[in-house]
C-alpha cells in the first residue's frame, strides 16, 4: 500500500496557525504568572544575587499576567 502526504488546505493551514498562536500566547501568560510568583518568593539576598532591586521586583509584580 502506497501512502502519500497531502498538504493541508489553505483553510486548514490557517486554522492550525491560529490554534498554534493561541496556544503560544496562553503558554506565555502562564510562564509570566509562574515566574512572577517565583520572584515574589525571593528574599533580599537572592534578589541581590540576581541583580534585582526591591523596586524592580515590585514593578514586575505589579504587571498583569498578559504583559
PDB file of N, CA and C in Angstrom:
ATOM      1  N   UNK A   1       0.845  -1.165   0.000  1.00  0.00           N
ATOM      2  CA  UNK A   1       0.000   0.000   0.000  1.00  0.00           C
ATOM      3  C   UNK A   1       0.892   1.230   0.000  1.00  0.00           C
ATOM      4  N   UNK A   2       0.623   2.151  -0.869  1.00  0.00           N
ATOM      5  CA  UNK A   2       1.431   3.354  -1.029  1.00  0.00           C
ATOM      6  C   UNK A   2       0.701   4.527  -0.383  1.00  0.00           C
ATOM      7  N   UNK A   3       1.371   5.191   0.543  1.00  0.00           N
ATOM      8  CA  UNK A   3       0.756   6.340   1.213  1.00  0.00           C
ATOM      9  C   UNK A   3       1.462   7.611   0.771  1.00  0.00           C
ATOM     10  N   UNK A   4       0.700   8.633   0.588  1.00  0.00           N
ATOM     11  CA  UNK A   4       1.281   9.925   0.229  1.00  0.00           C
ATOM     12  C   UNK A   4       0.826  10.963   1.238  1.00  0.00           C
ATOM     13  N   UNK A   5       1.624  11.968   1.371  1.00  0.00           N
ATOM     14  CA  UNK A   5       1.287  13.067   2.271  1.00  0.00           C
ATOM     15  C   UNK A   5       0.625  14.164   1.462  1.00  0.00           C
ATOM     16  N   UNK A   6      -0.573  14.509   1.849  1.00  0.00           N
ATOM     17  CA  UNK A   6      -1.260  15.591   1.159  1.00  0.00           C
ATOM     18  C   UNK A   6      -1.098  16.854   1.990  1.00  0.00           C
ATOM     19  N   UNK A   7      -0.671  17.941   1.360  1.00  0.00           N
ATOM     20  CA  UNK A   7      -0.512  19.190   2.110  1.00  0.00           C
ATOM     21  C   UNK A   7      -1.861  19.690   2.626  1.00  0.00           C
ATOM     22  N   UNK A   8      -1.797  20.431   3.742  1.00  0.00           N
ATOM     23  CA  UNK A   8      -3.017  20.997   4.300  1.00  0.00           C
ATOM     24  C   UNK A   8      -3.596  22.032   3.342  1.00  0.00           C
ATOM     25  N   UNK A   9      -4.888  22.106   3.309  1.00  0.00           N
ATOM     26  CA  UNK A   9      -5.522  23.156   2.515  1.00  0.00           C
ATOM     27  C   UNK A   9      -5.196  24.501   3.168  1.00  0.00           C
ATOM     28  N   UNK A  10      -5.380  25.567   2.437  1.00  0.00           N
ATOM     29  CA  UNK A  10      -5.099  26.904   2.976  1.00  0.00           C
ATOM     30  C   UNK A  10      -5.939  27.161   4.229  1.00  0.00           C
ATOM     31  N   UNK A  11      -7.205  26.770   4.200  1.00  0.00           N
ATOM     32  CA  UNK A  11      -8.094  26.985   5.331  1.00  0.00           C
ATOM     33  C   UNK A  11      -7.619  26.192   6.542  1.00  0.00           C
ATOM     34  N   UNK A  12      -7.309  24.927   6.351  1.00  0.00           N
ATOM     35  CA  UNK A  12      -6.835  24.083   7.450  1.00  0.00           C
ATOM     36  C   UNK A  12      -5.505  24.599   7.978  1.00  0.00           C
ATOM     37  N   UNK A  13      -4.635  25.042   7.089  1.00  0.00           N
ATOM     38  CA  UNK A  13      -3.341  25.581   7.492  1.00  0.00           C
ATOM     39  C   UNK A  13      -3.535  26.848   8.331  1.00  0.00           C
ATOM     40  N   UNK A  14      -4.449  27.709   7.907  1.00  0.00           N
ATOM     41  CA  UNK A  14      -4.734  28.940   8.644  1.00  0.00           C
ATOM     42  C   UNK A  14      -5.283  28.658  10.029  1.00  0.00           C
ATOM     43  N   UNK A  15      -6.172  27.673  10.123  1.00  0.00           N
ATOM     44  CA  UNK A  15      -6.733  27.310  11.427  1.00  0.00           C
ATOM     45  C   UNK A  15      -5.659  26.716  12.330  1.00  0.00           C
ATOM     46  N   UNK A  16      -4.755  25.940  11.748  1.00  0.00           N
ATOM     47  CA  UNK A  16      -3.657  25.374  12.536  1.00  0.00           C
ATOM     48  C   UNK A  16      -2.787  26.480  13.105  1.00  0.00           C
ATOM     49  N   UNK A  17      -2.512  27.477  12.273  1.00  0.00           N
ATOM     50  CA  UNK A  17      -1.684  28.595  12.740  1.00  0.00           C
ATOM     51  C   UNK A  17      -2.398  29.401  13.811  1.00  0.00           C
ATOM     52  N   UNK A  18      -3.716  29.552  13.694  1.00  0.00           N
ATOM     53  CA  UNK A  18      -4.468  30.275  14.719  1.00  0.00           C
ATOM     54  C   UNK A  18      -4.402  29.538  16.054  1.00  0.00           C
ATOM     55  N   UNK A  19      -4.577  28.229  16.021  1.00  0.00           N
ATOM     56  CA  UNK A  19      -4.507  27.445  17.254  1.00  0.00           C
ATOM     57  C   UNK A  19      -3.106  27.492  17.851  1.00  0.00           C
ATOM     58  N   UNK A  20      -2.106  27.425  16.994  1.00  0.00           N
ATOM     59  CA  UNK A  20      -0.729  27.486  17.470  1.00  0.00           C
ATOM     60  C   UNK A  20      -0.440  28.842  18.106  1.00  0.00           C
ATOM     61  N   UNK A  21      -0.933  29.886  17.500  1.00  0.00           N
ATOM     62  CA  UNK A  21      -0.750  31.231  18.043  1.00  0.00           C
ATOM     63  C   UNK A  21      -1.455  31.373  19.396  1.00  0.00           C
ATOM     64  N   UNK A  22      -2.663  30.872  19.485  1.00  0.00           N
ATOM     65  CA  UNK A  22      -3.410  30.923  20.744  1.00  0.00           C
ATOM     66  C   UNK A  22      -2.687  30.125  21.824  1.00  0.00           C
ATOM     67  N   UNK A  23      -2.240  28.938  21.483  1.00  0.00           N
ATOM     68  CA  UNK A  23      -1.510  28.093  22.434  1.00  0.00           C
ATOM     69  C   UNK A  23      -0.246  28.795  22.906  1.00  0.00           C
ATOM     70  N   UNK A  24       0.483  29.390  21.988  1.00  0.00           N
ATOM     71  CA  UNK A  24       1.716  30.099  22.322  1.00  0.00           C
ATOM     72  C   UNK A  24       1.433  31.262  23.276  1.00  0.00           C
ATOM     73  N   UNK A  25       0.376  31.998  23.008  1.00  0.00           N
ATOM     74  CA  UNK A  25       0.003  33.126  23.871  1.00  0.00           C
ATOM     75  C   UNK A  25      -0.355  32.646  25.269  1.00  0.00           C
ATOM     76  N   UNK A  26      -1.143  31.592  25.355  1.00  0.00           N
ATOM     77  CA  UNK A  26      -1.538  31.059  26.664  1.00  0.00           C
ATOM     78  C   UNK A  26      -0.327  30.569  27.453  1.00  0.00           C
ATOM     79  N   UNK A  27       0.605  29.912  26.772  1.00  0.00           N
ATOM     80  CA  UNK A  27       1.829  29.436  27.438  1.00  0.00           C
ATOM     81  C   UNK A  27       2.675  30.617  27.932  1.00  0.00           C
ATOM     82  N   UNK A  28       2.722  31.687  27.142  1.00  0.00           N
ATOM     83  CA  UNK A  28       3.476  32.876  27.534  1.00  0.00           C
ATOM     84  C   UNK A  28       2.867  33.484  28.802  1.00  0.00           C
ATOM     85  N   UNK A  29       1.552  33.601  28.850  1.00  0.00           N
ATOM     86  CA  UNK A  29       0.877  34.130  30.030  1.00  0.00           C
ATOM     87  C   UNK A  29       1.128  33.243  31.245  1.00  0.00           C
ATOM     88  N   UNK A  30       1.082  31.941  31.036  1.00  0.00           N
ATOM     89  CA  UNK A  30       1.320  31.008  32.127  1.00  0.00           C
ATOM     90  C   UNK A  30       2.753  31.159  32.659  1.00  0.00           C
ATOM     91  N   UNK A  31       3.711  31.310  31.749  1.00  0.00           N
ATOM     92  CA  UNK A  31       5.112  31.493  32.151  1.00  0.00           C
ATOM     93  C   UNK A  31       5.287  32.794  32.934  1.00  0.00           C
ATOM     94  N   UNK A  32       4.624  33.875  32.487  1.00  0.00           N
ATOM     95  CA  UNK A  32       4.680  35.147  33.218  1.00  0.00           C
ATOM     96  C   UNK A  32       4.167  34.965  34.642  1.00  0.00           C
ATOM     97  N   UNK A  33       3.040  34.324  34.761  1.00  0.00           N
ATOM     98  CA  UNK A  33       2.432  34.114  36.085  1.00  0.00           C
ATOM     99  C   UNK A  33       3.346  33.295  36.991  1.00  0.00           C
ATOM    100  N   UNK A  34       3.899  32.206  36.444  1.00  0.00           N
ATOM    101  CA  UNK A  34       4.761  31.325  37.234  1.00  0.00           C
ATOM    102  C   UNK A  34       6.046  32.029  37.659  1.00  0.00           C
ATOM    103  N   UNK A  35       6.702  32.735  36.759  1.00  0.00           N
ATOM    104  CA  UNK A  35       7.969  33.378  37.107  1.00  0.00           C
ATOM    105  C   UNK A  35       7.766  34.544  38.075  1.00  0.00           C
ATOM    106  N   UNK A  36       6.659  35.245  37.947  1.00  0.00           N
ATOM    107  CA  UNK A  36       6.390  36.335  38.900  1.00  0.00           C
ATOM    108  C   UNK A  36       6.066  35.782  40.282  1.00  0.00           C
ATOM    109  N   UNK A  37       5.398  34.657  40.313  1.00  0.00           N
ATOM    110  CA  UNK A  37       5.131  34.018  41.604  1.00  0.00           C
ATOM    111  C   UNK A  37       6.443  33.593  42.262  1.00  0.00           C
ATOM    112  N   UNK A  38       7.374  33.067  41.471  1.00  0.00           N
ATOM    113  CA  UNK A  38       8.683  32.689  41.998  1.00  0.00           C
ATOM    114  C   UNK A  38       9.477  33.917  42.432  1.00  0.00           C
ATOM    115  N   UNK A  39       9.402  34.985  41.663  1.00  0.00           N
ATOM    116  CA  UNK A  39      10.086  36.230  42.013  1.00  0.00           C
ATOM    117  C   UNK A  39       9.590  36.765  43.353  1.00  0.00           C
ATOM    118  N   UNK A  40       8.316  36.646  43.605  1.00  0.00           N
ATOM    119  CA  UNK A  40       7.728  37.131  44.859  1.00  0.00           C
ATOM    120  C   UNK A  40       8.268  36.374  46.068  1.00  0.00           C
ATOM    121  N   UNK A  41       8.739  35.153  45.862  1.00  0.00           N
ATOM    122  CA  UNK A  41       9.225  34.335  46.972  1.00  0.00           C
ATOM    123  C   UNK A  41      10.687  34.572  47.322  1.00  0.00           C
ATOM    124  N   UNK A  42      11.414  35.313  46.480  1.00  0.00           N
ATOM    125  CA  UNK A  42      12.842  35.527  46.726  1.00  0.00           C
ATOM    126  C   UNK A  42      13.062  36.472  47.904  1.00  0.00           C
ATOM    127  N   UNK A  43      14.063  36.157  48.720  1.00  0.00           N
ATOM    128  CA  UNK A  43      14.411  37.055  49.817  1.00  0.00           C
ATOM    129  C   UNK A  43      15.409  38.103  49.319  1.00  0.00           C
ATOM    130  N   UNK A  44      15.791  39.030  50.186  1.00  0.00           N
ATOM    131  CA  UNK A  44      16.668  40.140  49.786  1.00  0.00           C
ATOM    132  C   UNK A  44      18.014  39.646  49.255  1.00  0.00           C
ATOM    133  N   UNK A  45      18.584  38.634  49.881  1.00  0.00           N
ATOM    134  CA  UNK A  45      19.877  38.115  49.431  1.00  0.00           C
ATOM    135  C   UNK A  45      19.772  37.493  48.037  1.00  0.00           C
ATOM    136  N   UNK A  46      18.721  36.753  47.809  1.00  0.00           N
ATOM    137  CA  UNK A  46      18.518  36.131  46.496  1.00  0.00           C
ATOM    138  C   UNK A  46      18.285  37.184  45.411  1.00  0.00           C
ATOM    139  N   UNK A  47      17.549  38.241  45.762  1.00  0.00           N
ATOM    140  CA  UNK A  47      17.350  39.336  44.813  1.00  0.00           C
ATOM    141  C   UNK A  47      18.685  39.992  44.471  1.00  0.00           C
ATOM    142  N   UNK A  48      19.501  40.233  45.495  1.00  0.00           N
ATOM    143  CA  UNK A  48      20.815  40.846  45.276  1.00  0.00           C
ATOM    144  C   UNK A  48      21.692  39.954  44.409  1.00  0.00           C
ATOM    145  N   UNK A  49      21.652  38.658  44.638  1.00  0.00           N
ATOM    146  CA  UNK A  49      22.437  37.720  43.825  1.00  0.00           C
ATOM    147  C   UNK A  49      22.009  37.765  42.359  1.00  0.00           C
ATOM    148  N   UNK A  50      20.733  37.998  42.127  1.00  0.00           N
ATOM    149  CA  UNK A  50      20.209  38.045  40.758  1.00  0.00           C
ATOM    150  C   UNK A  50      20.354  39.446  40.149  1.00  0.00           C
ATOM    151  N   UNK A  51      20.782  40.412  40.962  1.00  0.00           N
ATOM    152  CA  UNK A  51      20.944  41.774  40.464  1.00  0.00           C
ATOM    153  C   UNK A  51      19.629  42.507  40.289  1.00  0.00           C
ATOM    154  N   UNK A  52      18.662  42.168  41.134  1.00  0.00           N
ATOM    155  CA  UNK A  52      17.330  42.774  41.051  1.00  0.00           C
ATOM    156  C   UNK A  52      17.078  43.565  42.328  1.00  0.00           C
ATOM    157  N   UNK A  53      16.673  44.817  42.178  1.00  0.00           N
ATOM    158  CA  UNK A  53      16.355  45.624  43.355  1.00  0.00           C
ATOM    159  C   UNK A  53      14.923  45.328  43.805  1.00  0.00           C
ATOM    160  N   UNK A  54      14.633  45.730  45.011  1.00  0.00           N
ATOM    161  CA  UNK A  54      13.279  45.538  45.540  1.00  0.00           C
ATOM    162  C   UNK A  54      12.276  46.332  44.697  1.00  0.00           C
ATOM    163  N   UNK A  55      12.672  47.537  44.285  1.00  0.00           N
ATOM    164  CA  UNK A  55      11.787  48.369  43.460  1.00  0.00           C
ATOM    165  C   UNK A  55      11.514  47.699  42.108  1.00  0.00           C
ATOM    166  N   UNK A  56      12.545  47.102  41.509  1.00  0.00           N
ATOM    167  CA  UNK A  56      12.351  46.395  40.231  1.00  0.00           C
ATOM    168  C   UNK A  56      11.410  45.212  40.409  1.00  0.00           C
ATOM    169  N   UNK A  57      11.576  44.508  41.523  1.00  0.00           N
ATOM    170  CA  UNK A  57      10.682  43.370  41.774  1.00  0.00           C
ATOM    171  C   UNK A  57       9.244  43.849  41.901  1.00  0.00           C
ATOM    172  N   UNK A  58       9.036  44.915  42.652  1.00  0.00           N
ATOM    173  CA  UNK A  58       7.683  45.431  42.848  1.00  0.00           C
ATOM    174  C   UNK A  58       7.066  45.886  41.523  1.00  0.00           C
ATOM    175  N   UNK A  59       7.868  46.486  40.654  1.00  0.00           N
ATOM    176  CA  UNK A  59       7.373  46.897  39.339  1.00  0.00           C
ATOM    177  C   UNK A  59       6.941  45.675  38.532  1.00  0.00           C
ATOM    178  N   UNK A  60       7.745  44.639  38.568  1.00  0.00           N
ATOM    179  CA  UNK A  60       7.432  43.427  37.810  1.00  0.00           C
ATOM    180  C   UNK A  60       6.188  42.741  38.373  1.00  0.00           C
ATOM    181  N   UNK A  61       6.075  42.691  39.677  1.00  0.00           N
ATOM    182  CA  UNK A  61       4.937  42.020  40.298  1.00  0.00           C
ATOM    183  C   UNK A  61       3.627  42.790  40.091  1.00  0.00           C
ATOM    184  N   UNK A  62       3.737  44.081  39.837  1.00  0.00           N
ATOM    185  CA  UNK A  62       2.540  44.906  39.628  1.00  0.00           C
ATOM    186  C   UNK A  62       1.946  44.720  38.228  1.00  0.00           C
ATOM    187  N   UNK A  63       2.702  44.146  37.326  1.00  0.00           N
ATOM    188  CA  UNK A  63       2.229  43.955  35.953  1.00  0.00           C
ATOM    189  C   UNK A  63       1.171  42.856  35.890  1.00  0.00           C
ATOM    190  N   UNK A  64       0.188  43.023  35.010  1.00  0.00           N
ATOM    191  CA  UNK A  64      -0.781  41.928  34.803  1.00  0.00           C
ATOM    192  C   UNK A  64      -0.093  40.773  34.055  1.00  0.00           C
ATOM    193  N   UNK A  65      -0.654  39.592  34.152  1.00  0.00           N
ATOM    194  CA  UNK A  65      -0.007  38.411  33.567  1.00  0.00           C
ATOM    195  C   UNK A  65       0.158  38.495  32.057  1.00  0.00           C
ATOM    196  N   UNK A  66      -0.653  39.293  31.389  1.00  0.00           N
ATOM    197  CA  UNK A  66      -0.564  39.338  29.929  1.00  0.00           C
ATOM    198  C   UNK A  66       0.513  40.305  29.420  1.00  0.00           C
ATOM    199  N   UNK A  67       1.187  41.011  30.320  1.00  0.00           N
ATOM    200  CA  UNK A  67       2.267  41.906  29.899  1.00  0.00           C
ATOM    201  C   UNK A  67       3.605  41.379  30.321  1.00  0.00           C
TER     202      UNK A  67
END
